[in-house]
Amino acid sequence: MIYVICEPCIGVKDKSCQEVCPVDCIYEGEDQLYINPDECIGCSACAAVCPVEAIYDEDEVPEQWKHYIEKNRKFFEQ
């Protein structure tokens, strides 16, 4: 996994990140947006435009939001 969308996205789903993603790897879920780890190329364009600063490199996800790494993985296992 390259980038993960965390709690600040819940209920917001601004979609600026989808608009700038060059590989269209960001998908809408019921409560937030998710980045497909198999499609993401790690360009960081999404993180740069997120108005709520919800997108982090997997290695930099704040401790209180680490569970979003697994939540993101599970979304794409469906």
N, C-alpha and C. Protein backbone atom coordinates (compact mmCIF):
# COMPACT_ATOMS: atom_id res chain seq x y z
N MET A 1 0.85 -1.18 0.00
CA MET A 1 0.00 0.00 0.00
C MET A 1 0.89 1.24 0.00
N ILE A 2 0.47 2.24 -0.72
CA ILE A 2 1.25 3.45 -0.80
C ILE A 2 0.63 4.56 0.06
N TYR A 3 -0.55 5.00 -0.27
CA TYR A 3 -1.22 6.06 0.48
C TYR A 3 -2.52 5.55 1.08
N VAL A 4 -2.89 6.14 2.23
CA VAL A 4 -4.08 5.72 2.97
C VAL A 4 -4.90 6.97 3.31
N ILE A 5 -6.21 6.85 3.15
CA ILE A 5 -7.11 7.95 3.52
C ILE A 5 -7.64 7.65 4.91
N CYS A 6 -7.51 8.61 5.82
CA CYS A 6 -7.84 8.41 7.22
C CYS A 6 -9.07 9.18 7.66
N GLU A 7 -9.30 9.21 8.96
CA GLU A 7 -10.52 9.73 9.58
C GLU A 7 -11.02 11.09 9.10
N PRO A 8 -10.17 12.08 8.84
CA PRO A 8 -10.71 13.38 8.42
C PRO A 8 -11.60 13.32 7.18
N CYS A 9 -11.50 12.26 6.39
CA CYS A 9 -12.33 12.12 5.19
C CYS A 9 -13.76 11.67 5.52
N ILE A 10 -13.95 11.04 6.68
CA ILE A 10 -15.26 10.51 7.04
C ILE A 10 -16.32 11.61 6.96
N GLY A 11 -17.33 11.36 6.14
CA GLY A 11 -18.42 12.31 5.99
C GLY A 11 -18.12 13.49 5.09
N VAL A 12 -16.88 13.66 4.66
CA VAL A 12 -16.51 14.80 3.82
C VAL A 12 -16.50 14.40 2.35
N LYS A 13 -15.69 13.42 2.02
CA LYS A 13 -15.56 12.91 0.65
C LYS A 13 -15.51 14.05 -0.38
N ASP A 14 -14.57 14.94 -0.22
CA ASP A 14 -14.41 16.11 -1.09
C ASP A 14 -14.18 15.74 -2.56
N LYS A 15 -13.47 14.70 -2.83
CA LYS A 15 -13.18 14.17 -4.16
C LYS A 15 -12.16 14.96 -4.97
N SER A 16 -11.53 15.95 -4.37
CA SER A 16 -10.43 16.65 -5.06
C SER A 16 -9.33 15.65 -5.39
N CYS A 17 -9.14 14.69 -4.50
CA CYS A 17 -8.10 13.68 -4.70
C CYS A 17 -8.40 12.83 -5.94
N GLN A 18 -9.65 12.48 -6.15
CA GLN A 18 -10.03 11.69 -7.33
C GLN A 18 -9.73 12.46 -8.61
N GLU A 19 -9.99 13.75 -8.59
CA GLU A 19 -9.81 14.58 -9.78
C GLU A 19 -8.36 14.67 -10.23
N VAL A 20 -7.42 14.62 -9.29
CA VAL A 20 -6.00 14.76 -9.67
C VAL A 20 -5.26 13.44 -9.81
N CYS A 21 -5.87 12.35 -9.41
CA CYS A 21 -5.20 11.05 -9.47
C CYS A 21 -4.96 10.64 -10.92
N PRO A 22 -3.70 10.46 -11.31
CA PRO A 22 -3.40 10.12 -12.71
C PRO A 22 -3.74 8.69 -13.10
N VAL A 23 -3.98 7.81 -12.11
CA VAL A 23 -4.30 6.42 -12.43
C VAL A 23 -5.70 6.00 -11.95
N ASP A 24 -6.50 6.96 -11.51
CA ASP A 24 -7.87 6.69 -11.07
C ASP A 24 -7.96 5.54 -10.07
N CYS A 25 -7.17 5.61 -9.02
CA CYS A 25 -7.14 4.52 -8.03
C CYS A 25 -7.91 4.85 -6.76
N ILE A 26 -8.68 5.95 -6.74
CA ILE A 26 -9.42 6.35 -5.55
C ILE A 26 -10.91 6.07 -5.78
N TYR A 27 -11.48 5.31 -4.84
CA TYR A 27 -12.86 4.85 -4.97
C TYR A 27 -13.70 5.32 -3.80
N GLU A 28 -14.99 5.51 -4.05
CA GLU A 28 -15.89 5.98 -3.01
C GLU A 28 -16.53 4.81 -2.27
N GLY A 29 -16.43 4.87 -0.95
CA GLY A 29 -17.09 3.91 -0.09
C GLY A 29 -18.28 4.58 0.57
N GLU A 30 -18.93 3.86 1.45
CA GLU A 30 -20.12 4.41 2.10
C GLU A 30 -19.82 5.64 2.94
N ASP A 31 -18.71 5.61 3.69
CA ASP A 31 -18.42 6.71 4.60
C ASP A 31 -17.18 7.54 4.25
N GLN A 32 -16.36 7.05 3.32
CA GLN A 32 -15.14 7.76 2.96
C GLN A 32 -14.64 7.29 1.61
N LEU A 33 -13.54 7.88 1.16
CA LEU A 33 -12.88 7.46 -0.07
C LEU A 33 -11.74 6.51 0.29
N TYR A 34 -11.38 5.64 -0.66
CA TYR A 34 -10.33 4.65 -0.43
C TYR A 34 -9.37 4.63 -1.61
N ILE A 35 -8.10 4.36 -1.33
CA ILE A 35 -7.07 4.26 -2.36
C ILE A 35 -6.74 2.79 -2.59
N ASN A 36 -6.86 2.34 -3.83
CA ASN A 36 -6.56 0.95 -4.15
C ASN A 36 -5.04 0.76 -4.10
N PRO A 37 -4.56 -0.08 -3.18
CA PRO A 37 -3.11 -0.25 -3.01
C PRO A 37 -2.43 -0.92 -4.21
N ASP A 38 -3.19 -1.67 -5.00
CA ASP A 38 -2.61 -2.32 -6.17
C ASP A 38 -2.52 -1.40 -7.38
N GLU A 39 -3.24 -0.30 -7.34
CA GLU A 39 -3.26 0.64 -8.46
C GLU A 39 -2.47 1.92 -8.20
N CYS A 40 -2.32 2.29 -6.93
CA CYS A 40 -1.63 3.54 -6.56
C CYS A 40 -0.16 3.49 -6.99
N ILE A 41 0.29 4.58 -7.60
CA ILE A 41 1.70 4.66 -8.04
C ILE A 41 2.55 5.51 -7.09
N GLY A 42 1.95 6.02 -6.02
CA GLY A 42 2.69 6.76 -5.02
C GLY A 42 3.13 8.16 -5.43
N CYS A 43 2.37 8.79 -6.31
CA CYS A 43 2.77 10.11 -6.81
C CYS A 43 2.52 11.24 -5.81
N SER A 44 1.66 11.04 -4.84
CA SER A 44 1.29 11.98 -3.78
C SER A 44 0.44 13.16 -4.24
N ALA A 45 -0.05 13.14 -5.47
CA ALA A 45 -0.90 14.22 -5.96
C ALA A 45 -2.15 14.36 -5.09
N CYS A 46 -2.70 13.23 -4.67
CA CYS A 46 -3.92 13.24 -3.86
C CYS A 46 -3.69 13.93 -2.51
N ALA A 47 -2.60 13.59 -1.87
CA ALA A 47 -2.30 14.16 -0.56
C ALA A 47 -2.13 15.67 -0.63
N ALA A 48 -1.56 16.14 -1.72
CA ALA A 48 -1.30 17.57 -1.88
C ALA A 48 -2.59 18.39 -1.98
N VAL A 49 -3.67 17.81 -2.49
CA VAL A 49 -4.90 18.58 -2.69
C VAL A 49 -5.99 18.30 -1.66
N CYS A 50 -5.79 17.36 -0.78
CA CYS A 50 -6.83 17.00 0.19
C CYS A 50 -7.09 18.19 1.13
N PRO A 51 -8.31 18.73 1.13
CA PRO A 51 -8.59 19.92 1.94
C PRO A 51 -8.67 19.63 3.44
N VAL A 52 -8.82 18.37 3.83
CA VAL A 52 -8.90 18.03 5.25
C VAL A 52 -7.67 17.28 5.74
N GLU A 53 -6.64 17.18 4.90
CA GLU A 53 -5.39 16.51 5.24
C GLU A 53 -5.62 15.10 5.79
N ALA A 54 -6.36 14.31 5.02
CA ALA A 54 -6.70 12.96 5.43
C ALA A 54 -5.82 11.89 4.81
N ILE A 55 -4.96 12.26 3.86
CA ILE A 55 -4.19 11.27 3.11
C ILE A 55 -2.73 11.25 3.55
N TYR A 56 -2.28 10.04 3.90
CA TYR A 56 -0.92 9.87 4.40
C TYR A 56 -0.23 8.71 3.69
N ASP A 57 1.08 8.84 3.56
CA ASP A 57 1.90 7.71 3.17
C ASP A 57 1.70 6.66 4.26
N GLU A 58 1.61 5.41 3.87
CA GLU A 58 1.35 4.34 4.84
C GLU A 58 2.32 4.38 6.02
N ASP A 59 3.56 4.72 5.78
CA ASP A 59 4.57 4.76 6.84
C ASP A 59 4.44 5.99 7.74
N GLU A 60 3.59 6.94 7.36
CA GLU A 60 3.45 8.18 8.12
C GLU A 60 2.06 8.38 8.71
N VAL A 61 1.22 7.36 8.66
CA VAL A 61 -0.12 7.47 9.24
C VAL A 61 0.02 7.70 10.74
N PRO A 62 -0.65 8.74 11.28
CA PRO A 62 -0.58 8.99 12.72
C PRO A 62 -1.07 7.78 13.52
N GLU A 63 -0.48 7.58 14.67
CA GLU A 63 -0.77 6.40 15.49
C GLU A 63 -2.27 6.19 15.71
N GLN A 64 -3.00 7.26 16.01
CA GLN A 64 -4.43 7.13 16.30
C GLN A 64 -5.26 6.69 15.09
N TRP A 65 -4.66 6.71 13.89
CA TRP A 65 -5.38 6.33 12.67
C TRP A 65 -4.78 5.10 11.99
N LYS A 66 -3.89 4.40 12.65
CA LYS A 66 -3.25 3.22 12.05
C LYS A 66 -4.26 2.18 11.59
N HIS A 67 -5.40 2.07 12.27
CA HIS A 67 -6.41 1.07 11.88
C HIS A 67 -7.00 1.35 10.50
N TYR A 68 -6.82 2.55 9.97
CA TYR A 68 -7.31 2.87 8.62
C TYR A 68 -6.50 2.14 7.54
N ILE A 69 -5.30 1.72 7.86
CA ILE A 69 -4.51 0.94 6.91
C ILE A 69 -5.22 -0.38 6.63
N GLU A 70 -5.65 -1.04 7.69
CA GLU A 70 -6.37 -2.31 7.54
C GLU A 70 -7.76 -2.09 6.95
N LYS A 71 -8.42 -1.02 7.35
CA LYS A 71 -9.76 -0.71 6.81
C LYS A 71 -9.67 -0.54 5.30
N ASN A 72 -8.63 0.13 4.83
CA ASN A 72 -8.44 0.34 3.40
C ASN A 72 -8.22 -1.00 2.69
N ARG A 73 -7.37 -1.84 3.25
CA ARG A 73 -7.12 -3.15 2.64
C ARG A 73 -8.41 -3.97 2.52
N LYS A 74 -9.18 -3.98 3.60
CA LYS A 74 -10.42 -4.76 3.62
C LYS A 74 -11.43 -4.26 2.59
N PHE A 75 -11.46 -2.97 2.34
CA PHE A 75 -12.39 -2.42 1.36
C PHE A 75 -12.18 -3.04 -0.01
N PHE A 76 -10.93 -3.29 -0.35
CA PHE A 76 -10.63 -3.84 -1.67
C PHE A 76 -10.62 -5.36 -1.72
N GLU A 77 -10.86 -6.01 -0.59
CA GLU A 77 -10.95 -7.47 -0.56
C GLU A 77 -12.38 -7.95 -0.83
N GLN A 78 -13.32 -7.04 -0.88
CA GLN A 78 -14.73 -7.39 -1.06
C GLN A 78 -15.00 -7.95 -2.44
